[in-house]
């Protein structure tokens, strides 16, 4: 990979790469182990079926992360003050969960998770996760209780994670199919 970074155009700088792969704590070795474990546990499943197993296993975590945005509001006096803590913790969990999910799916379909092409995909994950997390902060929901907002936020984030997973399956399956067509030509 180091030769690839040196030879590749510097569209994405080293700082961006370090952000995604170091600061965000994405452990590529652990992702590879999880994919290998899933493949050995379900040897007859297709890559899409295995990917959907990852997507469904992430649903409860996404729901919980989305609900964390509103957890500080349950502390009566300081809740509003520490709401940013809930947003920060929930957002970082969600981004990491969704980035891991996309890299797992990429690996299932035979894509190199060290390839710099993943950086654009991970940037899209941050944007999609941010939009999903914002839904429970909409001004139209201002009159709702924190528990209601927590449920809405959790459901929105869980749905977004599932949509991200399905989009990744279609994207990587399509890339796999087009590579097969090119190889036959």
C-alpha atoms as a PDB file:
ATOM      1  CA  UNK A   1       0.000   0.000   0.000  1.00  0.00           C
ATOM      2  CA  UNK A   2       2.856   2.454   0.708  1.00  0.00           C
ATOM      3  CA  UNK A   3       3.894   2.375  -2.978  1.00  0.00           C
ATOM      4  CA  UNK A   4       0.288   3.059  -3.941  1.00  0.00           C
ATOM      5  CA  UNK A   5       0.166   6.136  -1.716  1.00  0.00           C
ATOM      6  CA  UNK A   6       3.402   7.491  -3.159  1.00  0.00           C
ATOM      7  CA  UNK A   7       2.372   6.773  -6.755  1.00  0.00           C
ATOM      8  CA  UNK A   8      -1.236   7.973  -6.420  1.00  0.00           C
ATOM      9  CA  UNK A   9      -2.176  11.573  -7.140  1.00  0.00           C
ATOM     10  CA  UNK A  10      -2.534  13.548  -3.930  1.00  0.00           C
ATOM     11  CA  UNK A  11      -6.266  14.178  -4.278  1.00  0.00           C
ATOM     12  CA  UNK A  12      -6.675  12.993  -0.697  1.00  0.00           C
ATOM     13  CA  UNK A  13      -3.882  14.135   1.550  1.00  0.00           C
ATOM     14  CA  UNK A  14      -2.092  12.151   4.186  1.00  0.00           C
ATOM     15  CA  UNK A  15      -3.975  14.040   6.897  1.00  0.00           C
ATOM     16  CA  UNK A  16      -7.309  12.883   5.452  1.00  0.00           C
ATOM     17  CA  UNK A  17      -6.102   9.317   5.307  1.00  0.00           C
ATOM     18  CA  UNK A  18      -4.838   9.469   8.888  1.00  0.00           C
ATOM     19  CA  UNK A  19      -8.177  10.917   9.991  1.00  0.00           C
ATOM     20  CA  UNK A  20     -10.131   8.015   8.555  1.00  0.00           C
ATOM     21  CA  UNK A  21      -7.770   5.213   9.437  1.00  0.00           C
ATOM     22  CA  UNK A  22      -6.117   6.398  12.630  1.00  0.00           C
ATOM     23  CA  UNK A  23      -8.125   9.087  14.368  1.00  0.00           C
ATOM     24  CA  UNK A  24     -11.450   7.380  13.687  1.00  0.00           C
ATOM     25  CA  UNK A  25      -9.970   4.213  15.115  1.00  0.00           C
ATOM     26  CA  UNK A  26     -10.938   2.000  12.240  1.00  0.00           C
ATOM     27  CA  UNK A  27      -9.124  -1.214  12.911  1.00  0.00           C
ATOM     28  CA  UNK A  28      -8.766  -2.840   9.546  1.00  0.00           C
ATOM     29  CA  UNK A  29      -7.307  -6.017  11.042  1.00  0.00           C
ATOM     30  CA  UNK A  30     -10.374  -6.428  13.234  1.00  0.00           C
ATOM     31  CA  UNK A  31     -12.653  -5.796  10.254  1.00  0.00           C
ATOM     32  CA  UNK A  32     -10.842  -8.519   8.313  1.00  0.00           C
ATOM     33  CA  UNK A  33     -11.242 -10.932  11.261  1.00  0.00           C
ATOM     34  CA  UNK A  34     -14.965 -10.193  11.528  1.00  0.00           C
ATOM     35  CA  UNK A  35     -15.478 -10.809   7.816  1.00  0.00           C
ATOM     36  CA  UNK A  36     -13.435 -14.008   7.933  1.00  0.00           C
ATOM     37  CA  UNK A  37     -15.391 -15.209  10.966  1.00  0.00           C
ATOM     38  CA  UNK A  38     -18.709 -14.495   9.238  1.00  0.00           C
ATOM     39  CA  UNK A  39     -17.567 -16.293   6.079  1.00  0.00           C
ATOM     40  CA  UNK A  40     -16.474 -19.357   8.055  1.00  0.00           C
ATOM     41  CA  UNK A  41     -19.643 -19.356  10.153  1.00  0.00           C
ATOM     42  CA  UNK A  42     -21.917 -19.156   7.090  1.00  0.00           C
ATOM     43  CA  UNK A  43     -19.894 -20.750   4.250  1.00  0.00           C
ATOM     44  CA  UNK A  44     -22.913 -21.219   1.957  1.00  0.00           C
ATOM     45  CA  UNK A  45     -24.031 -17.570   2.120  1.00  0.00           C
ATOM     46  CA  UNK A  46     -23.349 -15.198  -0.766  1.00  0.00           C
ATOM     47  CA  UNK A  47     -21.488 -11.941  -0.120  1.00  0.00           C
ATOM     48  CA  UNK A  48     -24.823 -10.090  -0.186  1.00  0.00           C
ATOM     49  CA  UNK A  49     -26.335 -12.443   2.396  1.00  0.00           C
ATOM     50  CA  UNK A  50     -23.307 -12.071   4.640  1.00  0.00           C
ATOM     51  CA  UNK A  51     -23.455  -8.290   4.239  1.00  0.00           C
ATOM     52  CA  UNK A  52     -27.094  -8.273   5.277  1.00  0.00           C
ATOM     53  CA  UNK A  53     -26.132 -10.255   8.374  1.00  0.00           C
ATOM     54  CA  UNK A  54     -23.724  -7.441   9.275  1.00  0.00           C
ATOM     55  CA  UNK A  55     -26.407  -4.830   8.568  1.00  0.00           C
ATOM     56  CA  UNK A  56     -29.001  -6.557  10.752  1.00  0.00           C
ATOM     57  CA  UNK A  57     -26.530  -7.134  13.577  1.00  0.00           C
ATOM     58  CA  UNK A  58     -25.761  -3.416  13.616  1.00  0.00           C
ATOM     59  CA  UNK A  59     -29.406  -2.315  13.892  1.00  0.00           C
ATOM     60  CA  UNK A  60     -29.657  -2.460  17.711  1.00  0.00           C
ATOM     61  CA  UNK A  61     -26.353  -0.601  18.102  1.00  0.00           C
ATOM     62  CA  UNK A  62     -27.517   2.106  15.712  1.00  0.00           C
ATOM     63  CA  UNK A  63     -30.785   2.468  17.601  1.00  0.00           C
ATOM     64  CA  UNK A  64     -28.910   2.859  20.882  1.00  0.00           C
ATOM     65  CA  UNK A  65     -26.425   5.343  19.408  1.00  0.00           C
ATOM     66  CA  UNK A  66     -29.238   7.462  17.999  1.00  0.00           C
ATOM     67  CA  UNK A  67     -30.989   7.448  21.360  1.00  0.00           C
ATOM     68  CA  UNK A  68     -27.758   8.555  23.097  1.00  0.00           C
ATOM     69  CA  UNK A  69     -28.174  11.995  21.552  1.00  0.00           C
ATOM     70  CA  UNK A  70     -30.940  12.647  24.055  1.00  0.00           C
ATOM     71  CA  UNK A  71     -29.669  10.729  27.096  1.00  0.00           C
ATOM     72  CA  UNK A  72     -28.193  13.829  28.787  1.00  0.00           C
ATOM     73  CA  UNK A  73     -31.626  15.444  28.797  1.00  0.00           C
ATOM     74  CA  UNK A  74     -32.701  12.948  31.470  1.00  0.00           C
ATOM     75  CA  UNK A  75     -30.404  14.608  33.995  1.00  0.00           C
ATOM     76  CA  UNK A  76     -32.754  17.342  35.284  1.00  0.00           C
ATOM     77  CA  UNK A  77     -30.507  20.305  36.049  1.00  0.00           C
ATOM     78  CA  UNK A  78     -27.463  19.876  33.864  1.00  0.00           C
ATOM     79  CA  UNK A  79     -29.068  17.912  31.017  1.00  0.00           C
ATOM     80  CA  UNK A  80     -29.402  20.784  28.575  1.00  0.00           C
ATOM     81  CA  UNK A  81     -25.839  21.866  29.313  1.00  0.00           C
ATOM     82  CA  UNK A  82     -24.325  18.462  28.613  1.00  0.00           C
ATOM     83  CA  UNK A  83     -26.540  17.705  25.604  1.00  0.00           C
ATOM     84  CA  UNK A  84     -23.518  18.340  23.400  1.00  0.00           C
ATOM     85  CA  UNK A  85     -21.803  15.433  25.124  1.00  0.00           C
ATOM     86  CA  UNK A  86     -24.630  13.125  24.038  1.00  0.00           C
ATOM     87  CA  UNK A  87     -24.435  14.456  20.498  1.00  0.00           C
ATOM     88  CA  UNK A  88     -20.659  14.005  20.420  1.00  0.00           C
ATOM     89  CA  UNK A  89     -20.716  10.475  21.839  1.00  0.00           C
ATOM     90  CA  UNK A  90     -23.652   9.370  19.696  1.00  0.00           C
ATOM     91  CA  UNK A  91     -22.182  10.846  16.519  1.00  0.00           C
ATOM     92  CA  UNK A  92     -18.768   9.297  16.990  1.00  0.00           C
ATOM     93  CA  UNK A  93     -20.311   5.884  17.644  1.00  0.00           C
ATOM     94  CA  UNK A  94     -22.559   6.139  14.619  1.00  0.00           C
ATOM     95  CA  UNK A  95     -19.834   7.267  12.261  1.00  0.00           C
ATOM     96  CA  UNK A  96     -17.556   4.489  13.410  1.00  0.00           C
ATOM     97  CA  UNK A  97     -20.312   1.865  13.175  1.00  0.00           C
ATOM     98  CA  UNK A  98     -21.280   2.925   9.665  1.00  0.00           C
ATOM     99  CA  UNK A  99     -17.693   3.187   8.443  1.00  0.00           C
ATOM    100  CA  UNK A 100     -16.953  -0.277   9.796  1.00  0.00           C
ATOM    101  CA  UNK A 101     -20.095  -1.632   8.145  1.00  0.00           C
ATOM    102  CA  UNK A 102     -19.154  -0.212   4.746  1.00  0.00           C
ATOM    103  CA  UNK A 103     -15.612  -1.574   4.983  1.00  0.00           C
ATOM    104  CA  UNK A 104     -16.960  -5.005   5.986  1.00  0.00           C
ATOM    105  CA  UNK A 105     -19.247  -5.006   2.966  1.00  0.00           C
ATOM    106  CA  UNK A 106     -16.449  -3.843   0.661  1.00  0.00           C
ATOM    107  CA  UNK A 107     -14.266  -6.685   1.904  1.00  0.00           C
ATOM    108  CA  UNK A 108     -17.062  -9.241   1.441  1.00  0.00           C
ATOM    109  CA  UNK A 109     -17.281  -8.267  -2.226  1.00  0.00           C
ATOM    110  CA  UNK A 110     -13.518  -8.562  -2.655  1.00  0.00           C
ATOM    111  CA  UNK A 111     -12.559  -4.878  -2.547  1.00  0.00           C
ATOM    112  CA  UNK A 112      -9.308  -3.764  -0.945  1.00  0.00           C
ATOM    113  CA  UNK A 113     -10.124  -1.796   2.203  1.00  0.00           C
ATOM    114  CA  UNK A 114      -6.662  -0.213   2.049  1.00  0.00           C
ATOM    115  CA  UNK A 115      -7.444   1.312  -1.356  1.00  0.00           C
ATOM    116  CA  UNK A 116      -7.717   5.086  -1.335  1.00  0.00           C
ATOM    117  CA  UNK A 117     -11.036   4.766  -3.179  1.00  0.00           C
ATOM    118  CA  UNK A 118     -12.568   3.915   0.201  1.00  0.00           C
ATOM    119  CA  UNK A 119     -11.824   7.449   1.436  1.00  0.00           C
ATOM    120  CA  UNK A 120     -14.548   8.977  -0.757  1.00  0.00           C
ATOM    121  CA  UNK A 121     -16.982   6.322   0.395  1.00  0.00           C
ATOM    122  CA  UNK A 122     -16.160   6.949   4.038  1.00  0.00           C
ATOM    123  CA  UNK A 123     -16.617  10.695   3.547  1.00  0.00           C
ATOM    124  CA  UNK A 124     -20.105   9.985   2.207  1.00  0.00           C
ATOM    125  CA  UNK A 125     -20.814   7.933   5.334  1.00  0.00           C
ATOM    126  CA  UNK A 126     -20.024  10.910   7.546  1.00  0.00           C
ATOM    127  CA  UNK A 127     -22.451  13.092   5.575  1.00  0.00           C
ATOM    128  CA  UNK A 128     -25.252  10.500   5.616  1.00  0.00           C
ATOM    129  CA  UNK A 129     -24.779   9.798   9.317  1.00  0.00           C
ATOM    130  CA  UNK A 130     -24.842  13.507  10.116  1.00  0.00           C
ATOM    131  CA  UNK A 131     -28.108  13.981   8.247  1.00  0.00           C
ATOM    132  CA  UNK A 132     -29.702  11.029  10.005  1.00  0.00           C
ATOM    133  CA  UNK A 133     -28.543  12.233  13.404  1.00  0.00           C
ATOM    134  CA  UNK A 134     -29.963  15.707  12.743  1.00  0.00           C
ATOM    135  CA  UNK A 135     -33.508  14.451  12.196  1.00  0.00           C
ATOM    136  CA  UNK A 136     -34.353  14.405  15.901  1.00  0.00           C
ATOM    137  CA  UNK A 137     -33.021  17.956  16.233  1.00  0.00           C
ATOM    138  CA  UNK A 138     -35.468  19.425  13.700  1.00  0.00           C
ATOM    139  CA  UNK A 139     -37.298  22.544  14.928  1.00  0.00           C
ATOM    140  CA  UNK A 140     -40.631  20.827  14.191  1.00  0.00           C
ATOM    141  CA  UNK A 141     -39.867  18.362  16.999  1.00  0.00           C
ATOM    142  CA  UNK A 142     -38.968  21.011  19.595  1.00  0.00           C
ATOM    143  CA  UNK A 143     -42.180  20.490  21.582  1.00  0.00           C
ATOM    144  CA  UNK A 144     -41.605  16.749  21.995  1.00  0.00           C
ATOM    145  CA  UNK A 145     -40.323  15.178  25.176  1.00  0.00           C
ATOM    146  CA  UNK A 146     -36.744  13.849  25.229  1.00  0.00           C
ATOM    147  CA  UNK A 147     -37.998  10.250  25.295  1.00  0.00           C
ATOM    148  CA  UNK A 148     -40.003  10.820  22.119  1.00  0.00           C
ATOM    149  CA  UNK A 149     -37.052  12.536  20.470  1.00  0.00           C
ATOM    150  CA  UNK A 150     -34.829   9.663  21.568  1.00  0.00           C
ATOM    151  CA  UNK A 151     -37.125   7.142  19.917  1.00  0.00           C
ATOM    152  CA  UNK A 152     -37.350   9.218  16.734  1.00  0.00           C
ATOM    153  CA  UNK A 153     -33.599   9.802  16.689  1.00  0.00           C
ATOM    154  CA  UNK A 154     -32.835   6.140  17.307  1.00  0.00           C
ATOM    155  CA  UNK A 155     -35.257   4.997  14.616  1.00  0.00           C
ATOM    156  CA  UNK A 156     -33.924   7.529  12.097  1.00  0.00           C
ATOM    157  CA  UNK A 157     -30.325   6.534  12.718  1.00  0.00           C
ATOM    158  CA  UNK A 158     -31.116   2.813  12.618  1.00  0.00           C
ATOM    159  CA  UNK A 159     -32.963   3.277   9.335  1.00  0.00           C
ATOM    160  CA  UNK A 160     -30.102   5.331   7.913  1.00  0.00           C
ATOM    161  CA  UNK A 161     -27.601   2.630   8.894  1.00  0.00           C
ATOM    162  CA  UNK A 162     -29.704   0.004   7.160  1.00  0.00           C
ATOM    163  CA  UNK A 163     -29.982   2.194   4.064  1.00  0.00           C
ATOM    164  CA  UNK A 164     -26.224   2.786   4.106  1.00  0.00           C
ATOM    165  CA  UNK A 165     -25.682  -0.969   4.315  1.00  0.00           C
ATOM    166  CA  UNK A 166     -28.059  -1.693   1.436  1.00  0.00           C
ATOM    167  CA  UNK A 167     -26.507   1.062  -0.680  1.00  0.00           C
ATOM    168  CA  UNK A 168     -23.052  -0.382   0.002  1.00  0.00           C
ATOM    169  CA  UNK A 169     -24.242  -3.843  -1.030  1.00  0.00           C
ATOM    170  CA  UNK A 170     -25.603  -2.489  -4.331  1.00  0.00           C
ATOM    171  CA  UNK A 171     -22.508  -0.374  -4.908  1.00  0.00           C
ATOM    172  CA  UNK A 172     -19.951  -3.103  -4.257  1.00  0.00           C
ATOM    173  CA  UNK A 173     -21.998  -5.797  -5.981  1.00  0.00           C
ATOM    174  CA  UNK A 174     -22.244  -3.545  -9.047  1.00  0.00           C
ATOM    175  CA  UNK A 175     -18.512  -2.859  -8.980  1.00  0.00           C
ATOM    176  CA  UNK A 176     -17.855  -6.599  -8.663  1.00  0.00           C
ATOM    177  CA  UNK A 177     -20.148  -7.344 -11.618  1.00  0.00           C
ATOM    178  CA  UNK A 178     -18.563  -4.666 -13.820  1.00  0.00           C
ATOM    179  CA  UNK A 179     -15.075  -5.969 -12.989  1.00  0.00           C
ATOM    180  CA  UNK A 180     -16.173  -9.484 -14.047  1.00  0.00           C
ATOM    181  CA  UNK A 181     -17.495  -8.129 -17.362  1.00  0.00           C
ATOM    182  CA  UNK A 182     -14.226  -6.274 -17.973  1.00  0.00           C
ATOM    183  CA  UNK A 183     -12.206  -9.377 -17.135  1.00  0.00           C
ATOM    184  CA  UNK A 184     -14.175 -11.444 -19.691  1.00  0.00           C
ATOM    185  CA  UNK A 185     -13.716  -8.845 -22.437  1.00  0.00           C
END
